[in-house]
N, C-alpha and C. Protein backbone atom coordinates (compact mmCIF):
# COMPACT_ATOMS: atom_id res chain seq x y z
N LEU A 1 0.60 -0.91 -0.02
CA LEU A 1 -0.21 0.07 0.20
C LEU A 1 0.91 1.46 -0.21
N SER A 2 2.06 1.21 0.77
CA SER A 2 2.88 2.21 0.76
C SER A 2 3.56 2.44 -0.65
N GLU A 3 3.88 1.40 -1.36
CA GLU A 3 4.74 1.34 -2.55
C GLU A 3 3.69 1.88 -3.56
N ALA A 4 2.45 1.96 -3.56
CA ALA A 4 1.40 2.46 -4.27
C ALA A 4 1.38 4.10 -5.00
N GLY A 5 2.23 5.16 -4.46
CA GLY A 5 2.45 6.58 -4.69
C GLY A 5 1.43 6.87 -4.58
N GLN A 6 0.46 6.71 -4.24
CA GLN A 6 -1.04 7.43 -3.18
C GLN A 6 -1.21 7.05 -2.00
N ALA A 7 -1.26 7.69 -1.53
CA ALA A 7 -1.92 7.25 -0.29
C ALA A 7 -3.63 7.24 -0.29
N PRO A 8 -4.08 6.05 0.26
CA PRO A 8 -5.16 5.42 0.55
C PRO A 8 -6.40 6.54 0.96
N ARG A 9 -7.42 6.84 0.54
CA ARG A 9 -8.78 7.92 1.05
C ARG A 9 -8.93 7.75 2.56
N ARG A 10 -8.90 6.36 3.08
CA ARG A 10 -9.25 6.03 4.17
C ARG A 10 -8.06 5.46 4.94
N THR A 11 -7.72 5.69 6.18
CA THR A 11 -7.11 4.98 6.92
C THR A 11 -7.38 3.11 6.95
N VAL A 12 -5.56 3.09 6.84
CA VAL A 12 -5.82 1.57 6.37
C VAL A 12 -4.37 0.89 7.99
N MET A 13 -6.00 0.51 8.35
CA MET A 13 -5.17 -0.22 9.81
C MET A 13 -4.92 -1.69 9.95
N PHE A 14 -3.76 -2.22 10.28
CA PHE A 14 -2.67 -3.75 10.39
C PHE A 14 -2.94 -3.92 11.59
N LEU A 15 -3.53 -5.41 11.84
CA LEU A 15 -4.07 -5.58 13.33
C LEU A 15 -3.48 -7.54 13.73
N ALA A 16 -2.47 -7.83 14.29
CA ALA A 16 -1.86 -8.78 14.27
C ALA A 16 -2.80 -9.16 15.68
N VAL A 17 -3.34 -10.00 15.52
CA VAL A 17 -3.78 -11.06 16.44
C VAL A 17 -2.82 -12.56 16.98
N THR A 18 -3.76 -12.83 18.22
CA THR A 18 -3.64 -14.31 18.69
C THR A 18 -4.68 -15.12 19.05
N GLY A 19 -4.73 -16.20 19.58
CA GLY A 19 -5.12 -16.68 20.44
C GLY A 19 -6.85 -17.20 19.29
N GLU A 20 -6.82 -17.40 18.10
CA GLU A 20 -7.46 -17.94 17.70
C GLU A 20 -8.19 -19.13 17.85
N GLU A 21 -7.14 -20.21 17.74
CA GLU A 21 -7.64 -21.23 17.94
C GLU A 21 -8.67 -21.28 19.79
N LYS A 22 -7.98 -20.74 20.17
CA LYS A 22 -8.87 -20.62 21.78
C LYS A 22 -10.39 -19.64 21.98
N GLY A 23 -10.72 -19.41 20.68
CA GLY A 23 -11.96 -18.86 21.19
C GLY A 23 -11.91 -17.03 20.17
N LEU A 24 -10.70 -16.87 19.33
CA LEU A 24 -10.97 -15.02 18.63
C LEU A 24 -10.53 -14.70 19.68
N LEU A 25 -9.61 -14.63 20.65
CA LEU A 25 -9.66 -14.46 21.97
C LEU A 25 -9.15 -12.79 21.64
N GLY A 26 -7.50 -12.53 20.55
CA GLY A 26 -7.11 -11.50 20.28
C GLY A 26 -7.96 -10.44 19.64
N SER A 27 -8.24 -10.68 18.22
CA SER A 27 -9.74 -10.00 17.85
C SER A 27 -10.92 -9.66 18.38
N ALA A 28 -11.20 -10.60 19.44
CA ALA A 28 -12.32 -10.46 19.81
C ALA A 28 -11.99 -9.09 21.06
N SER A 29 -10.90 -9.56 21.68
CA SER A 29 -10.60 -8.16 22.67
C SER A 29 -10.32 -7.15 22.09
N PHE A 30 -9.48 -6.84 20.80
CA PHE A 30 -9.57 -5.61 20.36
C PHE A 30 -11.06 -5.01 19.42
N ALA A 31 -11.77 -6.07 18.86
CA ALA A 31 -13.43 -5.62 18.35
C ALA A 31 -14.35 -5.32 19.91
N ALA A 32 -13.95 -5.32 21.49
CA ALA A 32 -14.21 -4.74 22.24
C ALA A 32 -13.72 -3.69 22.80
N ASN A 33 -12.68 -3.49 22.35
CA ASN A 33 -11.75 -2.27 23.06
C ASN A 33 -11.46 -1.66 21.78
N PRO A 34 -11.38 -1.05 20.61
CA PRO A 34 -10.55 -0.64 19.67
C PRO A 34 -10.30 0.36 19.88
N ALA A 35 -8.70 0.65 19.02
CA ALA A 35 -8.14 1.36 19.14
C ALA A 35 -8.76 2.81 18.28
N THR A 36 -9.80 2.55 17.63
CA THR A 36 -10.59 4.14 16.98
C THR A 36 -12.29 3.42 17.02
N ARG A 37 -13.13 4.06 16.93
CA ARG A 37 -14.15 3.98 17.43
C ARG A 37 -14.72 3.18 16.31
N LEU A 38 -15.36 2.11 16.91
CA LEU A 38 -15.68 0.77 15.39
C LEU A 38 -16.46 1.28 14.42
N ASP A 39 -17.57 2.29 14.53
CA ASP A 39 -18.15 2.77 13.61
C ASP A 39 -17.26 3.34 12.37
N ARG A 40 -15.70 3.59 13.14
CA ARG A 40 -14.80 4.06 11.72
C ARG A 40 -14.40 2.85 10.68
N ILE A 41 -14.62 1.87 11.48
CA ILE A 41 -14.05 0.75 10.98
C ILE A 41 -14.88 0.35 9.66
N ALA A 42 -14.60 0.15 7.97
CA ALA A 42 -15.32 0.19 7.25
C ALA A 42 -15.60 -1.45 6.73
N GLY A 43 -14.27 -1.77 6.70
CA GLY A 43 -14.79 -3.20 6.48
C GLY A 43 -13.05 -4.09 6.81
N VAL A 44 -13.42 -4.99 6.95
CA VAL A 44 -12.08 -6.21 7.40
C VAL A 44 -11.90 -7.00 6.76
N VAL A 45 -10.63 -7.34 5.99
CA VAL A 45 -10.00 -8.32 5.37
C VAL A 45 -8.96 -9.01 6.13
N ASN A 46 -9.45 -10.56 6.52
CA ASN A 46 -8.77 -11.43 7.36
C ASN A 46 -7.60 -12.02 6.31
N LEU A 47 -6.27 -12.26 6.84
CA LEU A 47 -5.45 -13.35 5.87
C LEU A 47 -5.65 -14.42 7.34
N ASP A 48 -5.49 -15.19 7.15
CA ASP A 48 -5.53 -16.28 8.11
C ASP A 48 -5.50 -17.77 7.13
N MET A 49 -4.03 -18.63 7.18
CA MET A 49 -3.87 -19.80 7.05
C MET A 49 -4.29 -19.83 5.39
N PRO A 50 -3.71 -19.37 4.53
CA PRO A 50 -3.90 -19.63 3.00
C PRO A 50 -2.78 -20.84 3.14
N ILE A 51 -3.18 -21.62 2.26
CA ILE A 51 -2.25 -22.97 1.66
C ILE A 51 -1.46 -22.37 0.25
N LEU A 52 0.09 -22.19 0.67
CA LEU A 52 0.44 -21.79 -0.17
C LEU A 52 1.56 -22.87 -0.77
N LEU A 53 0.74 -24.01 -0.94
CA LEU A 53 2.00 -24.68 -1.41
C LEU A 53 1.62 -25.29 -2.84
N TYR A 54 1.08 -24.35 -3.59
CA TYR A 54 0.98 -24.99 -5.05
C TYR A 54 0.71 -23.16 -5.90
N ASP A 55 0.29 -23.45 -7.03
CA ASP A 55 0.07 -22.01 -7.63
C ASP A 55 -1.06 -21.99 -7.47
N PHE A 56 -1.52 -21.40 -7.07
CA PHE A 56 -3.48 -21.12 -7.21
C PHE A 56 -3.63 -20.59 -7.81
N THR A 57 -5.12 -20.71 -8.73
CA THR A 57 -5.97 -20.13 -9.71
C THR A 57 -7.01 -19.70 -9.07
N ASP A 58 -7.57 -19.80 -7.98
CA ASP A 58 -9.02 -19.13 -7.58
C ASP A 58 -8.40 -19.03 -6.23
N ILE A 59 -9.66 -18.34 -5.83
CA ILE A 59 -9.71 -18.15 -4.39
C ILE A 59 -11.11 -18.31 -3.68
N VAL A 60 -11.09 -18.69 -2.61
CA VAL A 60 -12.37 -18.71 -1.75
C VAL A 60 -12.45 -17.66 -0.97
N ALA A 61 -13.69 -16.29 -1.25
CA ALA A 61 -14.20 -15.59 -0.49
C ALA A 61 -15.17 -15.70 0.53
N PHE A 62 -14.49 -16.40 1.57
CA PHE A 62 -15.50 -16.51 2.94
C PHE A 62 -16.08 -15.28 3.32
N GLY A 63 -17.30 -14.88 3.25
CA GLY A 63 -17.93 -13.83 3.83
C GLY A 63 -18.77 -13.23 2.44
N ALA A 64 -18.02 -12.89 1.33
CA ALA A 64 -18.03 -12.00 0.08
C ALA A 64 -19.55 -11.96 -0.46
N GLU A 65 -19.82 -12.69 -0.06
CA GLU A 65 -21.58 -13.12 -0.55
C GLU A 65 -22.24 -12.07 -0.11
N HIS A 66 -22.09 -11.98 1.75
CA HIS A 66 -22.89 -11.19 2.73
C HIS A 66 -23.02 -10.08 2.36
N SER A 67 -22.25 -9.05 1.98
CA SER A 67 -21.96 -7.79 1.59
C SER A 67 -21.37 -7.39 0.35
N THR A 68 -21.00 -5.94 0.14
CA THR A 68 -21.01 -5.51 -1.10
C THR A 68 -19.11 -5.74 -1.41
N LEU A 69 -18.89 -6.09 -0.10
CA LEU A 69 -17.64 -6.68 -0.30
C LEU A 69 -17.05 -7.27 -1.48
N GLY A 70 -17.97 -8.25 -1.71
CA GLY A 70 -18.18 -9.38 -2.80
C GLY A 70 -17.57 -8.99 -4.27
N PRO A 71 -18.37 -7.45 -4.89
CA PRO A 71 -17.80 -6.83 -5.82
C PRO A 71 -16.21 -6.66 -6.23
N LEU A 72 -15.83 -5.70 -4.95
CA LEU A 72 -14.88 -5.91 -5.10
C LEU A 72 -13.46 -6.66 -4.69
N VAL A 73 -13.80 -7.88 -3.97
CA VAL A 73 -12.99 -9.24 -3.91
C VAL A 73 -13.05 -9.86 -5.50
N ALA A 74 -13.82 -9.76 -6.39
CA ALA A 74 -13.82 -10.74 -7.66
C ALA A 74 -12.83 -9.45 -8.84
N GLN A 75 -13.65 -8.09 -8.45
CA GLN A 75 -12.55 -6.91 -9.15
C GLN A 75 -10.77 -7.61 -8.58
N ALA A 76 -10.86 -7.58 -7.63
CA ALA A 76 -9.15 -7.63 -7.18
C ALA A 76 -8.75 -9.11 -7.71
N ALA A 77 -9.65 -10.02 -7.59
CA ALA A 77 -9.39 -11.72 -7.92
C ALA A 77 -9.00 -11.44 -9.95
N ARG A 78 -9.71 -10.85 -10.53
CA ARG A 78 -9.52 -10.74 -11.77
C ARG A 78 -7.89 -10.12 -12.22
N THR A 79 -7.90 -9.13 -11.31
CA THR A 79 -6.43 -7.96 -11.61
C THR A 79 -5.22 -9.30 -11.88
N GLU A 80 -5.34 -10.51 -10.96
CA GLU A 80 -4.79 -11.30 -11.00
C GLU A 80 -4.80 -12.54 -11.53
N GLY A 81 -5.74 -12.56 -12.57
CA GLY A 81 -6.24 -13.43 -13.40
C GLY A 81 -6.78 -14.42 -12.44
N LEU A 82 -7.13 -14.35 -10.97
CA LEU A 82 -7.64 -15.65 -10.44
C LEU A 82 -9.56 -15.49 -10.65
N THR A 83 -9.86 -16.74 -10.36
CA THR A 83 -11.49 -16.26 -10.05
C THR A 83 -11.68 -16.86 -8.86
N VAL A 84 -13.16 -16.49 -8.19
CA VAL A 84 -13.82 -16.40 -7.18
C VAL A 84 -14.38 -18.06 -6.98
N SER A 85 -14.19 -18.97 -6.01
CA SER A 85 -14.88 -19.86 -6.20
C SER A 85 -16.13 -20.14 -4.83
N PRO A 86 -17.08 -20.97 -5.19
CA PRO A 86 -17.75 -21.11 -3.73
C PRO A 86 -17.20 -22.00 -2.86
N ASP A 87 -17.70 -21.82 -1.37
CA ASP A 87 -17.37 -22.45 -0.45
C ASP A 87 -17.27 -24.00 -0.87
N PRO A 88 -15.86 -24.83 -1.32
CA PRO A 88 -15.83 -26.28 -1.07
C PRO A 88 -15.92 -26.74 0.23
N MET A 89 -15.83 -26.14 1.62
CA MET A 89 -15.92 -27.28 2.48
C MET A 89 -17.06 -26.22 3.53
N PRO A 90 -18.31 -25.97 2.99
CA PRO A 90 -19.29 -25.42 3.45
C PRO A 90 -19.83 -26.14 5.03
N GLU A 91 -19.45 -27.09 4.97
CA GLU A 91 -19.79 -27.67 6.59
C GLU A 91 -18.82 -27.40 7.39
N GLU A 92 -17.57 -26.90 7.64
CA GLU A 92 -16.98 -26.70 8.27
C GLU A 92 -17.19 -25.38 8.60
N GLY A 93 -18.51 -24.79 8.07
CA GLY A 93 -18.18 -22.78 8.75
C GLY A 93 -17.50 -21.93 8.99
N LEU A 94 -16.12 -22.19 7.55
CA LEU A 94 -14.83 -21.21 8.09
C LEU A 94 -15.44 -19.59 8.15
N PHE A 95 -16.25 -19.33 7.80
CA PHE A 95 -16.61 -17.92 7.79
C PHE A 95 -16.46 -17.57 9.52
N THR A 96 -17.14 -18.34 9.88
CA THR A 96 -18.03 -18.19 11.79
C THR A 96 -16.68 -18.41 12.61
N ARG A 97 -15.25 -19.02 11.77
CA ARG A 97 -14.51 -19.73 12.76
C ARG A 97 -12.96 -18.53 12.58
N SER A 98 -12.79 -17.65 12.15
CA SER A 98 -11.81 -16.89 12.16
C SER A 98 -11.64 -15.17 12.58
N ASP A 99 -10.45 -14.68 12.62
CA ASP A 99 -10.75 -13.57 13.66
C ASP A 99 -11.58 -12.07 12.58
N HIS A 100 -12.02 -12.44 11.64
CA HIS A 100 -12.63 -11.49 11.18
C HIS A 100 -14.05 -11.25 11.82
N TYR A 101 -14.62 -12.77 12.40
CA TYR A 101 -15.92 -12.96 13.14
C TYR A 101 -16.20 -11.92 14.11
N SER A 102 -15.18 -11.92 14.76
CA SER A 102 -15.29 -10.56 16.01
C SER A 102 -15.91 -9.69 15.55
N PHE A 103 -15.47 -8.71 14.50
CA PHE A 103 -15.80 -7.85 13.88
C PHE A 103 -17.24 -7.53 13.09
N VAL A 104 -17.65 -8.94 12.62
CA VAL A 104 -18.98 -9.26 11.94
C VAL A 104 -20.04 -9.59 13.19
N GLU A 105 -19.44 -9.74 14.54
CA GLU A 105 -20.55 -9.60 15.50
C GLU A 105 -20.63 -8.25 15.97
N ARG A 106 -19.78 -7.76 15.56
CA ARG A 106 -19.57 -6.06 15.78
C ARG A 106 -20.51 -5.44 14.62
N GLY A 107 -21.10 -5.68 13.10
CA GLY A 107 -21.86 -5.55 12.71
C GLY A 107 -20.62 -4.92 11.34
N VAL A 108 -19.58 -5.00 10.90
CA VAL A 108 -18.46 -4.39 10.59
C VAL A 108 -18.38 -5.89 9.16
N PRO A 109 -18.85 -5.16 7.74
CA PRO A 109 -18.62 -6.46 6.75
C PRO A 109 -16.67 -6.83 6.78
N SER A 110 -17.03 -8.11 6.03
CA SER A 110 -15.25 -8.79 5.88
C SER A 110 -15.63 -9.42 5.64
N VAL A 111 -14.27 -10.22 5.03
CA VAL A 111 -14.10 -11.19 4.49
C VAL A 111 -12.77 -11.82 4.44
N PHE A 112 -12.82 -13.27 4.35
CA PHE A 112 -11.75 -13.67 5.19
C PHE A 112 -11.53 -14.75 3.57
N LEU A 113 -10.39 -14.60 2.61
CA LEU A 113 -9.86 -15.04 1.77
C LEU A 113 -8.60 -16.57 1.97
N ALA A 114 -9.15 -17.53 0.78
CA ALA A 114 -8.48 -18.68 0.90
C ALA A 114 -8.04 -18.73 -0.44
N THR A 115 -7.07 -19.61 -0.55
CA THR A 115 -6.30 -20.43 -1.81
C THR A 115 -7.85 -20.90 -2.22
N GLY A 116 -7.80 -21.74 -3.10
CA GLY A 116 -8.94 -22.50 -3.63
C GLY A 116 -8.54 -23.70 -4.13
N HIS A 117 -9.41 -24.35 -4.69
CA HIS A 117 -9.04 -26.24 -4.41
C HIS A 117 -8.94 -26.45 -6.17
N ALA A 118 -8.86 -25.28 -6.76
CA ALA A 118 -8.83 -25.37 -8.57
C ALA A 118 -7.20 -25.73 -8.64
N ASN A 119 -6.76 -26.01 -9.45
CA ASN A 119 -5.20 -26.61 -10.13
C ASN A 119 -4.39 -27.08 -9.30
N GLY A 120 -5.06 -28.04 -8.74
CA GLY A 120 -4.16 -28.83 -7.24
C GLY A 120 -4.57 -28.83 -5.74
N GLY A 121 -5.33 -27.40 -5.91
CA GLY A 121 -5.68 -26.91 -4.87
C GLY A 121 -6.49 -28.41 -3.43
N ALA A 122 -7.28 -28.99 -4.07
CA ALA A 122 -8.02 -29.77 -3.61
C ALA A 122 -7.09 -30.83 -2.71
N GLU A 123 -6.23 -31.33 -3.51
CA GLU A 123 -4.93 -32.01 -3.02
C GLU A 123 -4.21 -31.36 -1.97
N ALA A 124 -4.10 -30.09 -2.14
CA ALA A 124 -2.74 -29.51 -1.06
C ALA A 124 -3.81 -29.33 -0.01
N TRP A 125 -5.01 -29.00 0.46
CA TRP A 125 -5.93 -28.72 1.34
C TRP A 125 -6.22 -30.05 2.14
N ALA A 126 -6.40 -31.20 1.22
CA ALA A 126 -6.69 -32.18 1.78
C ALA A 126 -4.77 -32.68 2.77
N GLY A 127 -3.86 -32.65 1.90
CA GLY A 127 -2.97 -32.95 2.64
C GLY A 127 -2.30 -32.62 3.58
N PHE A 128 -2.51 -30.70 3.69
CA PHE A 128 -2.33 -30.17 5.10
C PHE A 128 -3.21 -30.23 5.85
N LEU A 129 -4.87 -30.47 5.54
CA LEU A 129 -5.64 -30.68 6.93
C LEU A 129 -5.52 -32.33 7.56
N GLY A 130 -5.01 -32.71 6.97
CA GLY A 130 -5.09 -33.77 7.35
C GLY A 130 -3.44 -34.58 7.89
N GLY A 131 -2.71 -33.79 7.55
CA GLY A 131 -1.18 -34.19 7.78
C GLY A 131 -0.57 -33.01 9.17
N ASN A 132 -0.44 -31.67 8.96
CA ASN A 132 0.29 -30.75 9.35
C ASN A 132 -0.64 -29.90 9.89
N TYR A 133 -2.15 -29.35 9.51
CA TYR A 133 -2.79 -28.83 10.64
C TYR A 133 -2.92 -28.72 11.89
N HIS A 134 -2.31 -27.68 13.08
CA HIS A 134 -2.32 -27.31 14.13
C HIS A 134 -1.69 -28.70 14.70
N GLY A 135 -0.32 -29.20 14.11
CA GLY A 135 0.02 -30.03 14.03
C GLY A 135 1.75 -29.97 14.03
N PRO A 136 2.93 -30.80 14.73
CA PRO A 136 3.93 -30.26 14.45
C PRO A 136 4.85 -30.14 13.21
N GLY A 137 3.93 -30.60 11.67
CA GLY A 137 4.26 -30.24 11.02
C GLY A 137 4.12 -28.68 10.10
N ASP A 138 3.26 -28.52 10.92
CA ASP A 138 2.55 -26.78 10.37
C ASP A 138 4.07 -25.81 10.53
N ASP A 139 4.74 -25.94 10.08
CA ASP A 139 5.93 -24.58 9.64
C ASP A 139 6.50 -24.35 8.35
N LEU A 140 7.52 -23.68 8.54
CA LEU A 140 8.10 -23.27 7.51
C LEU A 140 8.99 -24.07 6.45
N SER A 141 8.99 -25.41 7.01
CA SER A 141 9.85 -26.18 6.30
C SER A 141 8.98 -26.88 4.88
N GLN A 142 7.56 -26.48 5.65
CA GLN A 142 7.13 -27.04 4.15
C GLN A 142 7.57 -26.35 2.85
N ALA A 143 6.50 -26.96 1.26
CA ALA A 143 7.72 -26.39 0.25
C ALA A 143 6.34 -25.30 0.00
N ILE A 144 6.74 -24.35 0.25
CA ILE A 144 5.88 -22.77 0.43
C ILE A 144 6.42 -22.13 -1.18
N GLN A 145 5.59 -22.14 -1.77
CA GLN A 145 5.57 -21.60 -3.15
C GLN A 145 5.22 -19.81 -2.90
N TRP A 146 6.91 -18.63 -2.83
CA TRP A 146 6.82 -17.87 -2.65
C TRP A 146 6.43 -17.12 -3.57
N ASP A 147 6.04 -17.27 -4.99
CA ASP A 147 5.30 -16.58 -6.04
C ASP A 147 4.05 -16.51 -5.39
N ALA A 148 3.48 -17.97 -5.09
CA ALA A 148 2.49 -18.34 -4.46
C ALA A 148 1.29 -17.18 -3.63
N ALA A 149 2.61 -16.76 -3.03
CA ALA A 149 2.47 -15.97 -1.34
C ALA A 149 2.52 -15.05 -1.61
N ALA A 150 3.21 -14.02 -2.66
CA ALA A 150 3.35 -12.80 -3.40
C ALA A 150 2.03 -12.51 -4.01
N LYS A 151 1.57 -13.26 -5.08
CA LYS A 151 -0.10 -13.31 -5.51
C LYS A 151 -1.47 -13.02 -4.45
N PHE A 152 -1.16 -13.99 -3.65
CA PHE A 152 -2.04 -13.61 -2.47
C PHE A 152 -1.80 -11.92 -1.77
N ALA A 153 -1.03 -12.15 -1.33
CA ALA A 153 -1.07 -10.65 -0.68
C ALA A 153 -1.13 -9.43 -1.70
N ARG A 154 -0.86 -10.21 -2.90
CA ARG A 154 -1.43 -8.36 -4.17
C ARG A 154 -2.59 -8.67 -4.04
N VAL A 155 -3.76 -9.76 -4.04
CA VAL A 155 -5.12 -9.51 -4.01
C VAL A 155 -5.51 -8.50 -2.75
N ASN A 156 -5.17 -9.69 -1.57
CA ASN A 156 -5.53 -8.76 -0.43
C ASN A 156 -5.32 -7.57 -0.36
N THR A 157 -4.03 -7.12 -0.92
CA THR A 157 -3.47 -5.74 -0.92
C THR A 157 -4.95 -4.97 -1.76
N ALA A 158 -5.03 -5.64 -2.94
CA ALA A 158 -6.31 -4.85 -3.83
C ALA A 158 -7.27 -4.64 -3.17
N ILE A 159 -7.72 -5.75 -2.34
CA ILE A 159 -9.10 -5.55 -2.05
C ILE A 159 -8.95 -4.22 -0.75
N ALA A 160 -8.01 -4.31 -0.17
CA ALA A 160 -8.19 -3.40 1.18
C ALA A 160 -7.91 -1.89 0.49
N ARG A 161 -7.36 -1.88 -0.56
CA ARG A 161 -7.16 -0.54 -1.16
C ARG A 161 -8.73 -0.32 -2.38
N ALA A 162 -9.23 -0.95 -2.26
CA ALA A 162 -10.35 -0.70 -2.93
C ALA A 162 -11.20 -0.24 -1.79
N ILE A 163 -11.36 -1.22 -0.38
CA ILE A 163 -11.85 -0.11 0.51
C ILE A 163 -11.45 0.65 0.59
N ALA A 164 -10.45 0.88 0.90
CA ALA A 164 -9.94 2.58 1.37
C ALA A 164 -10.33 3.36 0.36
N ASN A 165 -10.46 3.16 -1.08
CA ASN A 165 -10.25 4.40 -2.06
C ASN A 165 -11.93 4.03 -2.37
N ALA A 166 -13.03 3.53 -1.83
CA ALA A 166 -14.11 3.56 -2.31
C ALA A 166 -14.86 4.99 -2.06
N ASP A 167 -15.78 5.30 -2.50
CA ASP A 167 -16.54 6.43 -2.24
C ASP A 167 -17.69 6.07 -1.23
N GLU A 168 -18.07 4.95 -1.48
CA GLU A 168 -18.98 4.30 0.27
C GLU A 168 -18.09 2.94 0.78
N ARG A 169 -18.27 2.95 1.85
CA ARG A 169 -18.33 2.20 2.89
C ARG A 169 -19.06 0.88 2.20
N PRO A 170 -18.47 -0.23 2.57
CA PRO A 170 -18.85 -1.66 1.81
C PRO A 170 -20.48 -1.58 3.25
N LEU A 171 -21.59 -2.29 2.68
CA LEU A 171 -22.93 -2.16 3.04
C LEU A 171 -22.87 -3.70 3.16
N TRP A 172 -24.07 -4.29 4.07
CA TRP A 172 -23.85 -5.53 4.52
C TRP A 172 -25.38 -5.42 3.05
N TYR A 173 -25.55 -6.77 2.83
CA TYR A 173 -26.98 -6.50 1.81
C TYR A 173 -28.48 -6.89 2.73
N GLU A 174 -29.07 -6.50 1.94
CA GLU A 174 -30.57 -6.25 2.39
C GLU A 174 -31.01 -8.10 2.25
N GLY A 175 -31.48 -8.10 3.82
CA GLY A 175 -32.42 -9.11 4.05
C GLY A 175 -30.77 -10.64 4.28
N ASP A 176 -29.71 -10.02 4.50
CA ASP A 176 -28.61 -10.64 4.78
C ASP A 176 -29.02 -10.96 6.45
N VAL A 177 -27.78 -12.38 6.05
CA VAL A 177 -28.17 -13.13 8.26
C VAL A 177 -27.64 -12.90 9.09
N PHE A 178 -26.45 -12.17 8.54
CA PHE A 178 -25.38 -11.40 9.53
C PHE A 178 -25.56 -10.19 9.81
N GLY A 179 -25.79 -9.46 8.73
CA GLY A 179 -26.36 -8.30 8.76
C GLY A 179 -27.67 -7.56 9.50
N ASP A 180 -28.62 -8.38 9.12
CA ASP A 180 -29.65 -8.29 10.02
C ASP A 180 -29.50 -8.37 11.42
N ARG A 181 -28.78 -9.37 11.81
CA ARG A 181 -28.89 -10.06 13.28
C ARG A 181 -27.87 -8.67 13.56
N PHE A 182 -26.71 -8.22 13.17
CA PHE A 182 -25.47 -7.69 13.91
C PHE A 182 -25.13 -6.58 13.36
N ALA A 183 -25.80 -5.88 12.47
CA ALA A 183 -26.14 -4.46 12.18
C ALA A 183 -27.40 -4.09 11.84
N PRO A 184 -28.48 -4.42 12.63
CA PRO A 184 -29.71 -4.34 11.51
C PRO A 184 -30.58 -2.89 11.82
N ASN A 185 -29.21 -1.53 12.24
CA ASN A 185 -30.18 -0.56 11.99
C ASN A 185 -29.16 0.06 11.02
N ALA A 186 -28.13 -0.15 10.15
CA ALA A 186 -27.07 -0.08 9.66
C ALA A 186 -27.99 0.03 7.92
N ALA A 187 -27.04 1.40 7.16
CA ALA A 187 -27.92 1.13 6.07
C ALA A 187 -27.42 -0.32 5.46
N LYS A 188 -28.22 -0.71 4.33
CA LYS A 188 -28.22 -1.82 3.24
C LYS A 188 -28.15 -1.42 2.14
N ALA A 189 -27.46 -2.73 1.36
CA ALA A 189 -27.48 -2.50 -0.20
C ALA A 189 -28.33 -3.26 -0.59
N PRO A 190 -29.04 -2.74 -1.48
CA PRO A 190 -29.90 -4.30 -2.56
C PRO A 190 -29.40 -5.31 -2.67
N ALA A 191 -29.73 -6.70 -2.30
CA ALA A 191 -29.49 -7.73 -2.84
C ALA A 191 -29.35 -7.82 -4.11
N PRO A 192 -28.04 -8.60 -4.81
CA PRO A 192 -27.57 -8.69 -5.98
C PRO A 192 -28.84 -9.95 -6.61
């Protein structure tokens, strides 16, 4: 963001939290006691556990369908030649299990990107979840593809830049379960 040559229109805050596996402790603490007013946080882009062991060609944008963040994610993906795929593991409920969810519960539209299952991704995910996830093998000795990591960083940066430079802050869609529950009085966008 700092190398873009022009500062974003909105302030961009970076937050590194811990305790996700123990109940979103770090993000919940910040969301309950933010460094700025919570209503000043336009949107959240969560980077948590991308599988960077293959050259991904698609992404999964958990939460994108709930708010106007979806079109921003789709545009950012296109700039990297990526497609946005539907959640390949809906039974896992991943949208409600990572740090962005502490902000969703406070009414802030949020998105959580993961590398997709195309181009060898299904096998990479299965291998990681079956052998390394939350285990001793979950370390930097894995065959990380650093070009894939750079691509993942670029697409997330493009999303953050789009949120920061947009004329309007992200809005929940009308009738969306999360927007209705956690931001019942907030302005809503027509559902696509």
